């Protein structure tokens, strides 16, 4: 059948029919909200390059998590800024470290929020790299040993899920073995499986105080030009025992999200990263775009590409919109 009998616009004429035939939608259940916690008292500190995103001291973070829960968002991912850094990031496995203290406070006060911890070292090391540095590069296998200690400490103190983000070879297998040996076989792993060496991470590095002191992260994060390699990384993590796989960043990697969705039956997470957030915020503040509509369109495109869940700094904004009926 062809025009004029076939008219595609018939299903676009009114909002009611547009809603009925809509193929992709956003809901609270798609959202994971990042939370930054730091030492101090009474700290609610806006991140200059990420308007609307804040660092919270331990005495303020519980109130923020309650607000996130009350908006209907089911999960947070927790990032910590320690009081002291060292060459190996030992605060990450210290049961009195910043993440561990935050976990205990959050799980006691807001037990129904699902708490994921970012598992890495860049915020905790003096050099800002994602593991033990040897001869100017991150030493993979030594870093795995420290990852094991980190995840066990996180889960002992209340983490519901761990999310290793350092792109070390064998990290999922090492973490799965460490958790199982410690009796935490019920704890899932969300692997940053295809994490690209992206320029979109700049605002996050300000937020987490994790800019490398030298060099960059291209020896462990992926080349943005490579798609087949992303699938290789995904399938390796699936084989090693990942429960959820992730693509990071999201907006410039929608093709990767789609390929990953086609390649695995595991849930797929996409990280709508800081640079993606900040660009929209900046253009919105300048009046060049409708910020809320562009935000909604971007997150819908990530979901449409195949993501089952999205880590996004827009989580609260989206939840508020959904609670008011959407765009």
C-alpha atoms as a PDB file:
ATOM      1  CA  UNK A   1       0.000   0.000   0.000  1.00  0.00           C
ATOM      2  CA  UNK A   2       1.236   3.464  -0.961  1.00  0.00           C
ATOM      3  CA  UNK A   3       0.258   7.117  -0.647  1.00  0.00           C
ATOM      4  CA  UNK A   4      -2.469   8.407  -0.672  1.00  0.00           C
ATOM      5  CA  UNK A   5      -4.071   5.336   0.961  1.00  0.00           C
ATOM      6  CA  UNK A   6      -1.126   4.979   3.320  1.00  0.00           C
ATOM      7  CA  UNK A   7      -0.617   8.095   5.409  1.00  0.00           C
ATOM      8  CA  UNK A   8       1.906   7.690   8.236  1.00  0.00           C
ATOM      9  CA  UNK A   9       0.839  10.989   9.782  1.00  0.00           C
ATOM     10  CA  UNK A  10      -2.506   9.484  10.856  1.00  0.00           C
ATOM     11  CA  UNK A  11      -0.710   8.085  13.907  1.00  0.00           C
ATOM     12  CA  UNK A  12       0.838  11.467  14.770  1.00  0.00           C
ATOM     13  CA  UNK A  13      -2.192  13.777  14.684  1.00  0.00           C
ATOM     14  CA  UNK A  14      -3.081  13.779  18.388  1.00  0.00           C
ATOM     15  CA  UNK A  15      -1.171  13.269  21.627  1.00  0.00           C
ATOM     16  CA  UNK A  16      -3.341  10.315  22.629  1.00  0.00           C
ATOM     17  CA  UNK A  17      -2.363   8.240  19.597  1.00  0.00           C
ATOM     18  CA  UNK A  18       1.261   9.374  19.788  1.00  0.00           C
ATOM     19  CA  UNK A  19       1.398   7.999  23.330  1.00  0.00           C
ATOM     20  CA  UNK A  20      -0.237   4.731  22.302  1.00  0.00           C
ATOM     21  CA  UNK A  21       2.264   4.006  19.528  1.00  0.00           C
ATOM     22  CA  UNK A  22       5.362   5.344  21.313  1.00  0.00           C
ATOM     23  CA  UNK A  23       8.075   2.679  21.140  1.00  0.00           C
ATOM     24  CA  UNK A  24      10.459   3.948  23.831  1.00  0.00           C
ATOM     25  CA  UNK A  25       9.689   5.608  27.147  1.00  0.00           C
ATOM     26  CA  UNK A  26      11.579   6.810  30.206  1.00  0.00           C
ATOM     27  CA  UNK A  27      10.625   5.770  33.710  1.00  0.00           C
ATOM     28  CA  UNK A  28      11.985   6.004  37.230  1.00  0.00           C
ATOM     29  CA  UNK A  29      13.164   2.421  36.907  1.00  0.00           C
ATOM     30  CA  UNK A  30      15.658   3.442  34.202  1.00  0.00           C
ATOM     31  CA  UNK A  31      17.575   5.811  36.478  1.00  0.00           C
ATOM     32  CA  UNK A  32      20.706   5.555  38.625  1.00  0.00           C
ATOM     33  CA  UNK A  33      21.721   8.810  40.309  1.00  0.00           C
ATOM     34  CA  UNK A  34      25.415   9.578  41.007  1.00  0.00           C
ATOM     35  CA  UNK A  35      26.211  10.920  44.493  1.00  0.00           C
ATOM     36  CA  UNK A  36      29.520  12.511  45.538  1.00  0.00           C
ATOM     37  CA  UNK A  37      30.516  12.370  49.195  1.00  0.00           C
ATOM     38  CA  UNK A  38      33.438  14.042  50.924  1.00  0.00           C
ATOM     39  CA  UNK A  39      34.760  14.873  54.386  1.00  0.00           C
ATOM     40  CA  UNK A  40      33.833  18.039  56.272  1.00  0.00           C
ATOM     41  CA  UNK A  41      30.756  19.324  58.057  1.00  0.00           C
ATOM     42  CA  UNK A  42      27.751  21.067  56.589  1.00  0.00           C
ATOM     43  CA  UNK A  43      29.154  20.789  53.062  1.00  0.00           C
ATOM     44  CA  UNK A  44      26.762  21.110  50.119  1.00  0.00           C
ATOM     45  CA  UNK A  45      29.204  22.224  47.448  1.00  0.00           C
ATOM     46  CA  UNK A  46      28.087  22.819  43.873  1.00  0.00           C
ATOM     47  CA  UNK A  47      30.508  21.607  41.211  1.00  0.00           C
ATOM     48  CA  UNK A  48      31.244  24.648  38.992  1.00  0.00           C
ATOM     49  CA  UNK A  49      31.338  22.733  35.707  1.00  0.00           C
ATOM     50  CA  UNK A  50      28.249  20.648  36.595  1.00  0.00           C
ATOM     51  CA  UNK A  51      25.464  23.047  37.623  1.00  0.00           C
ATOM     52  CA  UNK A  52      22.946  21.341  39.872  1.00  0.00           C
ATOM     53  CA  UNK A  53      25.356  18.605  40.989  1.00  0.00           C
ATOM     54  CA  UNK A  54      26.901  18.815  44.456  1.00  0.00           C
ATOM     55  CA  UNK A  55      29.459  17.221  46.749  1.00  0.00           C
ATOM     56  CA  UNK A  56      28.010  16.366  50.158  1.00  0.00           C
ATOM     57  CA  UNK A  57      29.716  15.888  53.494  1.00  0.00           C
ATOM     58  CA  UNK A  58      28.809  12.811  55.514  1.00  0.00           C
ATOM     59  CA  UNK A  59      26.351  14.763  57.674  1.00  0.00           C
ATOM     60  CA  UNK A  60      24.479  15.977  54.590  1.00  0.00           C
ATOM     61  CA  UNK A  61      24.539  13.007  52.223  1.00  0.00           C
ATOM     62  CA  UNK A  62      21.690  11.116  53.911  1.00  0.00           C
ATOM     63  CA  UNK A  63      19.256  13.989  53.317  1.00  0.00           C
ATOM     64  CA  UNK A  64      20.236  14.024  49.655  1.00  0.00           C
ATOM     65  CA  UNK A  65      19.734  10.276  49.314  1.00  0.00           C
ATOM     66  CA  UNK A  66      16.306  10.569  50.940  1.00  0.00           C
ATOM     67  CA  UNK A  67      15.323  13.194  48.351  1.00  0.00           C
ATOM     68  CA  UNK A  68      16.495  10.884  45.559  1.00  0.00           C
ATOM     69  CA  UNK A  69      14.480   8.004  47.030  1.00  0.00           C
ATOM     70  CA  UNK A  70      11.399  10.166  47.499  1.00  0.00           C
ATOM     71  CA  UNK A  71      11.513  11.171  43.816  1.00  0.00           C
ATOM     72  CA  UNK A  72      11.086   7.487  42.953  1.00  0.00           C
ATOM     73  CA  UNK A  73      14.657   6.817  41.798  1.00  0.00           C
ATOM     74  CA  UNK A  74      15.548   3.260  42.849  1.00  0.00           C
ATOM     75  CA  UNK A  75      19.363   3.412  42.939  1.00  0.00           C
ATOM     76  CA  UNK A  76      22.409   5.584  43.462  1.00  0.00           C
ATOM     77  CA  UNK A  77      26.055   5.112  42.530  1.00  0.00           C
ATOM     78  CA  UNK A  78      28.426   6.420  45.164  1.00  0.00           C
ATOM     79  CA  UNK A  79      31.725   8.270  44.562  1.00  0.00           C
ATOM     80  CA  UNK A  80      34.027   9.329  47.383  1.00  0.00           C
ATOM     81  CA  UNK A  81      36.651  12.027  47.807  1.00  0.00           C
ATOM     82  CA  UNK A  82      38.998  10.952  50.618  1.00  0.00           C
ATOM     83  CA  UNK A  83      40.662  13.157  53.208  1.00  0.00           C
ATOM     84  CA  UNK A  84      44.092  11.724  52.422  1.00  0.00           C
ATOM     85  CA  UNK A  85      45.469  10.140  49.251  1.00  0.00           C
ATOM     86  CA  UNK A  86      48.453   7.833  48.787  1.00  0.00           C
ATOM     87  CA  UNK A  87      50.253   6.009  45.984  1.00  0.00           C
ATOM     88  CA  UNK A  88      47.939   2.974  46.021  1.00  0.00           C
ATOM     89  CA  UNK A  89      44.589   4.432  47.096  1.00  0.00           C
ATOM     90  CA  UNK A  90      44.446   2.494  50.369  1.00  0.00           C
ATOM     91  CA  UNK A  91      41.420   4.480  51.593  1.00  0.00           C
ATOM     92  CA  UNK A  92      39.363   2.359  49.204  1.00  0.00           C
ATOM     93  CA  UNK A  93      39.707  -0.740  51.383  1.00  0.00           C
ATOM     94  CA  UNK A  94      39.780   1.035  54.745  1.00  0.00           C
ATOM     95  CA  UNK A  95      36.648   0.149  56.727  1.00  0.00           C
ATOM     96  CA  UNK A  96      36.792   3.699  58.098  1.00  0.00           C
ATOM     97  CA  UNK A  97      37.219   5.212  54.635  1.00  0.00           C
ATOM     98  CA  UNK A  98      34.886   7.805  53.132  1.00  0.00           C
ATOM     99  CA  UNK A  99      32.820   5.329  51.084  1.00  0.00           C
ATOM    100  CA  UNK A 100      32.514   2.866  53.949  1.00  0.00           C
ATOM    101  CA  UNK A 101      31.317   5.548  56.368  1.00  0.00           C
ATOM    102  CA  UNK A 102      28.828   6.830  53.795  1.00  0.00           C
ATOM    103  CA  UNK A 103      27.539   3.323  53.135  1.00  0.00           C
ATOM    104  CA  UNK A 104      26.806   2.693  56.798  1.00  0.00           C
ATOM    105  CA  UNK A 105      25.006   6.009  57.201  1.00  0.00           C
ATOM    106  CA  UNK A 106      22.940   5.617  54.036  1.00  0.00           C
ATOM    107  CA  UNK A 107      21.934   2.000  54.584  1.00  0.00           C
ATOM    108  CA  UNK A 108      20.890   2.704  58.176  1.00  0.00           C
ATOM    109  CA  UNK A 109      18.842   5.800  57.312  1.00  0.00           C
ATOM    110  CA  UNK A 110      17.512   4.910  53.829  1.00  0.00           C
ATOM    111  CA  UNK A 111      17.588   1.105  53.700  1.00  0.00           C
ATOM    112  CA  UNK A 112      15.302   0.870  50.677  1.00  0.00           C
ATOM    113  CA  UNK A 113      17.666   2.735  48.308  1.00  0.00           C
ATOM    114  CA  UNK A 114      19.846   0.427  46.226  1.00  0.00           C
ATOM    115  CA  UNK A 115      23.472   1.487  46.618  1.00  0.00           C
ATOM    116  CA  UNK A 116      26.094   0.780  43.972  1.00  0.00           C
ATOM    117  CA  UNK A 117      29.705   1.719  44.629  1.00  0.00           C
ATOM    118  CA  UNK A 118      32.110   2.829  41.947  1.00  0.00           C
ATOM    119  CA  UNK A 119      35.178   0.620  42.359  1.00  0.00           C
ATOM    120  CA  UNK A 120      38.355   2.354  41.255  1.00  0.00           C
ATOM    121  CA  UNK A 121      41.383   4.228  42.591  1.00  0.00           C
ATOM    122  CA  UNK A 122      41.701   7.481  40.654  1.00  0.00           C
ATOM    123  CA  UNK A 123      40.048   9.644  43.335  1.00  0.00           C
ATOM    124  CA  UNK A 124      42.157   8.040  46.047  1.00  0.00           C
ATOM    125  CA  UNK A 125      45.674   8.105  44.601  1.00  0.00           C
ATOM    126  CA  UNK A 126      48.187  10.942  44.614  1.00  0.00           C
ATOM    127  CA  UNK A 127      48.864  10.347  40.914  1.00  0.00           C
ATOM    128  CA  UNK A 128      45.196  10.173  39.846  1.00  0.00           C
ATOM    129  CA  UNK A 129      45.500   6.898  37.943  1.00  0.00           C
ATOM    130  CA  UNK A 130      43.259   3.865  38.323  1.00  0.00           C
ATOM    131  CA  UNK A 131      45.636   1.525  40.131  1.00  0.00           C
ATOM    132  CA  UNK A 132      49.191   0.841  41.212  1.00  0.00           C
ATOM    133  CA  UNK A 133      51.635   2.772  39.046  1.00  0.00           C
ATOM    134  CA  UNK A 134      54.894   1.067  38.088  1.00  0.00           C
ATOM    135  CA  UNK A 135      57.372   2.407  35.508  1.00  0.00           C
ATOM    136  CA  UNK A 136      54.932   5.149  34.507  1.00  0.00           C
ATOM    137  CA  UNK A 137      51.903   2.934  33.825  1.00  0.00           C
ATOM    138  CA  UNK A 138      49.224   1.135  35.802  1.00  0.00           C
ATOM    139  CA  UNK A 139      50.392  -2.358  36.756  1.00  0.00           C
ATOM    140  CA  UNK A 140      47.429  -4.593  36.007  1.00  0.00           C
ATOM    141  CA  UNK A 141      47.852  -7.607  38.305  1.00  0.00           C
ATOM    142  CA  UNK A 142      48.967  -5.666  41.375  1.00  0.00           C
ATOM    143  CA  UNK A 143      45.890  -3.511  40.921  1.00  0.00           C
ATOM    144  CA  UNK A 144      43.667  -6.609  40.834  1.00  0.00           C
ATOM    145  CA  UNK A 145      44.855  -7.546  44.321  1.00  0.00           C
ATOM    146  CA  UNK A 146      43.821  -4.144  45.632  1.00  0.00           C
ATOM    147  CA  UNK A 147      40.477  -4.324  43.830  1.00  0.00           C
ATOM    148  CA  UNK A 148      39.721  -7.527  45.730  1.00  0.00           C
ATOM    149  CA  UNK A 149      40.278  -5.778  49.046  1.00  0.00           C
ATOM    150  CA  UNK A 150      38.229  -2.774  47.972  1.00  0.00           C
ATOM    151  CA  UNK A 151      35.106  -4.685  46.949  1.00  0.00           C
ATOM    152  CA  UNK A 152      35.066  -6.858  50.047  1.00  0.00           C
ATOM    153  CA  UNK A 153      35.283  -3.767  52.254  1.00  0.00           C
ATOM    154  CA  UNK A 154      32.495  -2.041  50.316  1.00  0.00           C
ATOM    155  CA  UNK A 155      30.132  -4.975  50.600  1.00  0.00           C
ATOM    156  CA  UNK A 156      30.945  -5.585  54.284  1.00  0.00           C
ATOM    157  CA  UNK A 157      29.847  -2.013  54.927  1.00  0.00           C
ATOM    158  CA  UNK A 158      26.592  -2.158  52.993  1.00  0.00           C
ATOM    159  CA  UNK A 159      27.107  -1.913  49.223  1.00  0.00           C
ATOM    160  CA  UNK A 160      24.356  -3.705  47.316  1.00  0.00           C
ATOM    161  CA  UNK A 161      26.367  -3.863  44.087  1.00  0.00           C
ATOM    162  CA  UNK A 162      29.938  -3.093  43.034  1.00  0.00           C
ATOM    163  CA  UNK A 163      30.867  -1.417  39.758  1.00  0.00           C
ATOM    164  CA  UNK A 164      34.545  -1.756  38.768  1.00  0.00           C
ATOM    165  CA  UNK A 165      35.483   1.086  36.433  1.00  0.00           C
ATOM    166  CA  UNK A 166      39.246   0.833  35.932  1.00  0.00           C
ATOM    167  CA  UNK A 167      39.299  -1.349  32.776  1.00  0.00           C
ATOM    168  CA  UNK A 168      41.895  -3.728  34.214  1.00  0.00           C
ATOM    169  CA  UNK A 169      42.226  -7.073  32.432  1.00  0.00           C
ATOM    170  CA  UNK A 170      40.654  -9.825  34.521  1.00  0.00           C
ATOM    171  CA  UNK A 171      39.020  -7.452  37.001  1.00  0.00           C
ATOM    172  CA  UNK A 172      35.593  -9.091  36.923  1.00  0.00           C
ATOM    173  CA  UNK A 173      37.003 -12.573  37.538  1.00  0.00           C
ATOM    174  CA  UNK A 174      39.187 -11.319  40.392  1.00  0.00           C
ATOM    175  CA  UNK A 175      36.303  -9.460  42.016  1.00  0.00           C
ATOM    176  CA  UNK A 176      33.882 -12.366  41.627  1.00  0.00           C
ATOM    177  CA  UNK A 177      36.362 -14.724  43.256  1.00  0.00           C
ATOM    178  CA  UNK A 178      37.039 -12.299  46.129  1.00  0.00           C
ATOM    179  CA  UNK A 179      33.346 -11.759  46.823  1.00  0.00           C
ATOM    180  CA  UNK A 180      32.517 -15.446  46.652  1.00  0.00           C
ATOM    181  CA  UNK A 181      35.400 -16.412  48.917  1.00  0.00           C
ATOM    182  CA  UNK A 182      34.180 -13.848  51.471  1.00  0.00           C
ATOM    183  CA  UNK A 183      30.628 -15.216  51.387  1.00  0.00           C
ATOM    184  CA  UNK A 184      29.212 -12.391  49.273  1.00  0.00           C
ATOM    185  CA  UNK A 185      28.123 -14.601  46.383  1.00  0.00           C
ATOM    186  CA  UNK A 186      24.748 -12.804  46.218  1.00  0.00           C
ATOM    187  CA  UNK A 187      26.398  -9.443  45.419  1.00  0.00           C
ATOM    188  CA  UNK A 188      26.188  -8.534  41.724  1.00  0.00           C
ATOM    189  CA  UNK A 189      28.903  -6.906  39.628  1.00  0.00           C
ATOM    190  CA  UNK A 190      28.111  -4.127  37.167  1.00  0.00           C
ATOM    191  CA  UNK A 191      31.224  -3.938  35.023  1.00  0.00           C
ATOM    192  CA  UNK A 192      32.350  -0.808  33.206  1.00  0.00           C
ATOM    193  CA  UNK A 193      33.053  -3.189  30.353  1.00  0.00           C
ATOM    194  CA  UNK A 194      33.412  -0.795  27.427  1.00  0.00           C
ATOM    195  CA  UNK A 195      34.821   2.387  28.925  1.00  0.00           C
ATOM    196  CA  UNK A 196      36.402   4.656  26.363  1.00  0.00           C
ATOM    197  CA  UNK A 197      39.279   7.120  26.861  1.00  0.00           C
ATOM    198  CA  UNK A 198      36.909  10.008  26.307  1.00  0.00           C
ATOM    199  CA  UNK A 199      37.234  13.792  26.457  1.00  0.00           C
ATOM    200  CA  UNK A 200      33.705  13.876  27.903  1.00  0.00           C
ATOM    201  CA  UNK A 201      34.973  13.055  31.416  1.00  0.00           C
ATOM    202  CA  UNK A 202      36.435  16.480  32.168  1.00  0.00           C
ATOM    203  CA  UNK A 203      33.778  17.835  34.556  1.00  0.00           C
ATOM    204  CA  UNK A 204      33.711  14.559  36.514  1.00  0.00           C
ATOM    205  CA  UNK A 205      37.443  14.819  37.133  1.00  0.00           C
ATOM    206  CA  UNK A 206      36.832  18.194  38.711  1.00  0.00           C
ATOM    207  CA  UNK A 207      33.966  16.785  40.762  1.00  0.00           C
ATOM    208  CA  UNK A 208      35.940  13.781  42.021  1.00  0.00           C
ATOM    209  CA  UNK A 209      39.335  15.512  42.131  1.00  0.00           C
ATOM    210  CA  UNK A 210      40.723  12.695  39.993  1.00  0.00           C
ATOM    211  CA  UNK A 211      42.633  14.340  37.142  1.00  0.00           C
ATOM    212  CA  UNK A 212      45.815  12.340  36.362  1.00  0.00           C
ATOM    213  CA  UNK A 213      48.987  14.002  37.617  1.00  0.00           C
ATOM    214  CA  UNK A 214      50.797  12.832  34.482  1.00  0.00           C
ATOM    215  CA  UNK A 215      49.930  11.301  31.147  1.00  0.00           C
ATOM    216  CA  UNK A 216      46.455   9.992  30.400  1.00  0.00           C
ATOM    217  CA  UNK A 217      44.474   6.756  30.646  1.00  0.00           C
ATOM    218  CA  UNK A 218      44.763   5.461  27.096  1.00  0.00           C
ATOM    219  CA  UNK A 219      46.786   2.384  28.101  1.00  0.00           C
ATOM    220  CA  UNK A 220      43.761   0.997  29.916  1.00  0.00           C
ATOM    221  CA  UNK A 221      40.653   2.835  28.706  1.00  0.00           C
ATOM    222  CA  UNK A 222      39.546   2.075  25.155  1.00  0.00           C
ATOM    223  CA  UNK A 223      40.292   3.890  21.910  1.00  0.00           C
ATOM    224  CA  UNK A 224      37.098   5.797  20.930  1.00  0.00           C
ATOM    225  CA  UNK A 225      37.577   4.598  17.342  1.00  0.00           C
ATOM    226  CA  UNK A 226      37.071   0.903  18.199  1.00  0.00           C
ATOM    227  CA  UNK A 227      33.710  -0.859  18.109  1.00  0.00           C
ATOM    228  CA  UNK A 228      34.685  -4.513  17.660  1.00  0.00           C
ATOM    229  CA  UNK A 229      37.094  -4.221  20.572  1.00  0.00           C
ATOM    230  CA  UNK A 230      34.200  -3.001  22.730  1.00  0.00           C
ATOM    231  CA  UNK A 231      32.305  -6.201  21.979  1.00  0.00           C
ATOM    232  CA  UNK A 232      35.397  -8.229  22.861  1.00  0.00           C
ATOM    233  CA  UNK A 233      35.614  -6.478  26.223  1.00  0.00           C
ATOM    234  CA  UNK A 234      31.913  -7.011  26.847  1.00  0.00           C
ATOM    235  CA  UNK A 235      32.063 -10.727  26.075  1.00  0.00           C
ATOM    236  CA  UNK A 236      35.157 -11.184  28.231  1.00  0.00           C
ATOM    237  CA  UNK A 237      33.345  -9.636  31.199  1.00  0.00           C
ATOM    238  CA  UNK A 238      30.288 -11.798  30.559  1.00  0.00           C
ATOM    239  CA  UNK A 239      32.511 -14.884  30.596  1.00  0.00           C
ATOM    240  CA  UNK A 240      34.223 -13.745  33.813  1.00  0.00           C
ATOM    241  CA  UNK A 241      30.916 -13.405  35.671  1.00  0.00           C
ATOM    242  CA  UNK A 242      29.582  -9.860  35.219  1.00  0.00           C
ATOM    243  CA  UNK A 243      25.897  -9.502  36.039  1.00  0.00           C
ATOM    244  CA  UNK A 244      25.440  -6.196  34.188  1.00  0.00           C
ATOM    245  CA  UNK A 245      27.669  -4.687  31.500  1.00  0.00           C
ATOM    246  CA  UNK A 246      28.141  -0.987  30.829  1.00  0.00           C
ATOM    247  CA  UNK A 247      29.029   1.325  27.963  1.00  0.00           C
ATOM    248  CA  UNK A 248      30.612   4.658  28.908  1.00  0.00           C
ATOM    249  CA  UNK A 249      30.130   7.374  27.629  1.00  0.00           C
ATOM    250  CA  UNK A 250      26.661   7.048  26.120  1.00  0.00           C
ATOM    251  CA  UNK A 251      25.745   9.828  23.707  1.00  0.00           C
ATOM    252  CA  UNK A 252      28.645   9.478  21.251  1.00  0.00           C
ATOM    253  CA  UNK A 253      28.535   5.678  21.623  1.00  0.00           C
ATOM    254  CA  UNK A 254      24.913   4.845  20.827  1.00  0.00           C
ATOM    255  CA  UNK A 255      26.131   2.480  18.122  1.00  0.00           C
ATOM    256  CA  UNK A 256      28.156   0.602  20.747  1.00  0.00           C
ATOM    257  CA  UNK A 257      25.141   0.363  23.061  1.00  0.00           C
ATOM    258  CA  UNK A 258      23.110  -1.078  20.193  1.00  0.00           C
ATOM    259  CA  UNK A 259      25.793  -3.640  19.296  1.00  0.00           C
ATOM    260  CA  UNK A 260      26.177  -4.663  22.926  1.00  0.00           C
ATOM    261  CA  UNK A 261      22.420  -5.071  23.304  1.00  0.00           C
ATOM    262  CA  UNK A 262      22.454  -7.401  20.296  1.00  0.00           C
ATOM    263  CA  UNK A 263      25.474  -9.361  21.560  1.00  0.00           C
ATOM    264  CA  UNK A 264      24.392 -10.280  25.098  1.00  0.00           C
ATOM    265  CA  UNK A 265      21.331 -11.218  27.093  1.00  0.00           C
ATOM    266  CA  UNK A 266      22.700  -9.472  30.199  1.00  0.00           C
ATOM    267  CA  UNK A 267      21.224  -6.131  31.276  1.00  0.00           C
ATOM    268  CA  UNK A 268      23.021  -3.193  29.668  1.00  0.00           C
ATOM    269  CA  UNK A 269      23.801   0.025  31.520  1.00  0.00           C
ATOM    270  CA  UNK A 270      24.864   3.243  29.812  1.00  0.00           C
ATOM    271  CA  UNK A 271      26.630   6.099  31.585  1.00  0.00           C
ATOM    272  CA  UNK A 272      25.410   9.520  30.461  1.00  0.00           C
ATOM    273  CA  UNK A 273      28.631  11.182  31.548  1.00  0.00           C
ATOM    274  CA  UNK A 274      29.541  14.587  32.947  1.00  0.00           C
ATOM    275  CA  UNK A 275      30.562  16.243  29.685  1.00  0.00           C
ATOM    276  CA  UNK A 276      27.280  15.246  28.062  1.00  0.00           C
ATOM    277  CA  UNK A 277      25.423  16.701  31.040  1.00  0.00           C
ATOM    278  CA  UNK A 278      27.434  19.911  31.194  1.00  0.00           C
ATOM    279  CA  UNK A 279      27.075  20.700  27.483  1.00  0.00           C
ATOM    280  CA  UNK A 280      23.292  20.549  27.732  1.00  0.00           C
ATOM    281  CA  UNK A 281      23.270  22.575  30.947  1.00  0.00           C
ATOM    282  CA  UNK A 282      25.524  25.245  29.437  1.00  0.00           C
ATOM    283  CA  UNK A 283      23.559  25.557  26.212  1.00  0.00           C
ATOM    284  CA  UNK A 284      20.314  25.653  28.191  1.00  0.00           C
ATOM    285  CA  UNK A 285      21.571  28.462  30.428  1.00  0.00           C
ATOM    286  CA  UNK A 286      22.603  30.454  27.354  1.00  0.00           C
ATOM    287  CA  UNK A 287      19.132  30.022  25.910  1.00  0.00           C
ATOM    288  CA  UNK A 288      20.377  28.188  22.833  1.00  0.00           C
ATOM    289  CA  UNK A 289      18.298  25.055  23.486  1.00  0.00           C
ATOM    290  CA  UNK A 290      15.321  23.974  25.553  1.00  0.00           C
ATOM    291  CA  UNK A 291      17.300  22.180  28.262  1.00  0.00           C
ATOM    292  CA  UNK A 292      14.555  19.866  29.509  1.00  0.00           C
ATOM    293  CA  UNK A 293      13.442  18.791  26.028  1.00  0.00           C
ATOM    294  CA  UNK A 294      17.015  18.110  24.910  1.00  0.00           C
ATOM    295  CA  UNK A 295      17.710  16.194  28.130  1.00  0.00           C
ATOM    296  CA  UNK A 296      14.624  14.059  27.553  1.00  0.00           C
ATOM    297  CA  UNK A 297      15.516  13.454  23.913  1.00  0.00           C
ATOM    298  CA  UNK A 298      19.091  12.445  24.734  1.00  0.00           C
ATOM    299  CA  UNK A 299      18.075  10.015  27.461  1.00  0.00           C
ATOM    300  CA  UNK A 300      15.345   8.569  25.242  1.00  0.00           C
ATOM    301  CA  UNK A 301      17.929   7.987  22.507  1.00  0.00           C
ATOM    302  CA  UNK A 302      20.147   6.109  24.978  1.00  0.00           C
ATOM    303  CA  UNK A 303      17.206   3.926  25.992  1.00  0.00           C
ATOM    304  CA  UNK A 304      16.186   3.461  22.352  1.00  0.00           C
ATOM    305  CA  UNK A 305      19.704   2.283  21.478  1.00  0.00           C
ATOM    306  CA  UNK A 306      19.296  -0.587  23.927  1.00  0.00           C
ATOM    307  CA  UNK A 307      20.210   0.525  27.449  1.00  0.00           C
ATOM    308  CA  UNK A 308      18.170  -1.068  30.216  1.00  0.00           C
ATOM    309  CA  UNK A 309      19.350   1.489  32.774  1.00  0.00           C
ATOM    310  CA  UNK A 310      21.108   4.849  32.648  1.00  0.00           C
ATOM    311  CA  UNK A 311      23.509   6.444  35.098  1.00  0.00           C
ATOM    312  CA  UNK A 312      22.823  10.133  34.650  1.00  0.00           C
ATOM    313  CA  UNK A 313      23.350  13.432  36.464  1.00  0.00           C
ATOM    314  CA  UNK A 314      19.918  14.351  35.108  1.00  0.00           C
ATOM    315  CA  UNK A 315      18.270  11.633  37.232  1.00  0.00           C
ATOM    316  CA  UNK A 316      16.523  14.002  39.633  1.00  0.00           C
ATOM    317  CA  UNK A 317      15.434  16.353  36.849  1.00  0.00           C
ATOM    318  CA  UNK A 318      13.998  13.447  34.871  1.00  0.00           C
ATOM    319  CA  UNK A 319      12.229  11.973  37.899  1.00  0.00           C
ATOM    320  CA  UNK A 320      10.625  15.334  38.673  1.00  0.00           C
ATOM    321  CA  UNK A 321       9.425  15.621  35.082  1.00  0.00           C
ATOM    322  CA  UNK A 322       8.022  12.094  35.145  1.00  0.00           C
ATOM    323  CA  UNK A 323       6.241  12.871  38.418  1.00  0.00           C
ATOM    324  CA  UNK A 324       4.593  15.845  36.680  1.00  0.00           C
ATOM    325  CA  UNK A 325       3.559  13.759  33.683  1.00  0.00           C
ATOM    326  CA  UNK A 326       6.601  14.029  31.440  1.00  0.00           C
ATOM    327  CA  UNK A 327       7.494  16.420  28.626  1.00  0.00           C
END
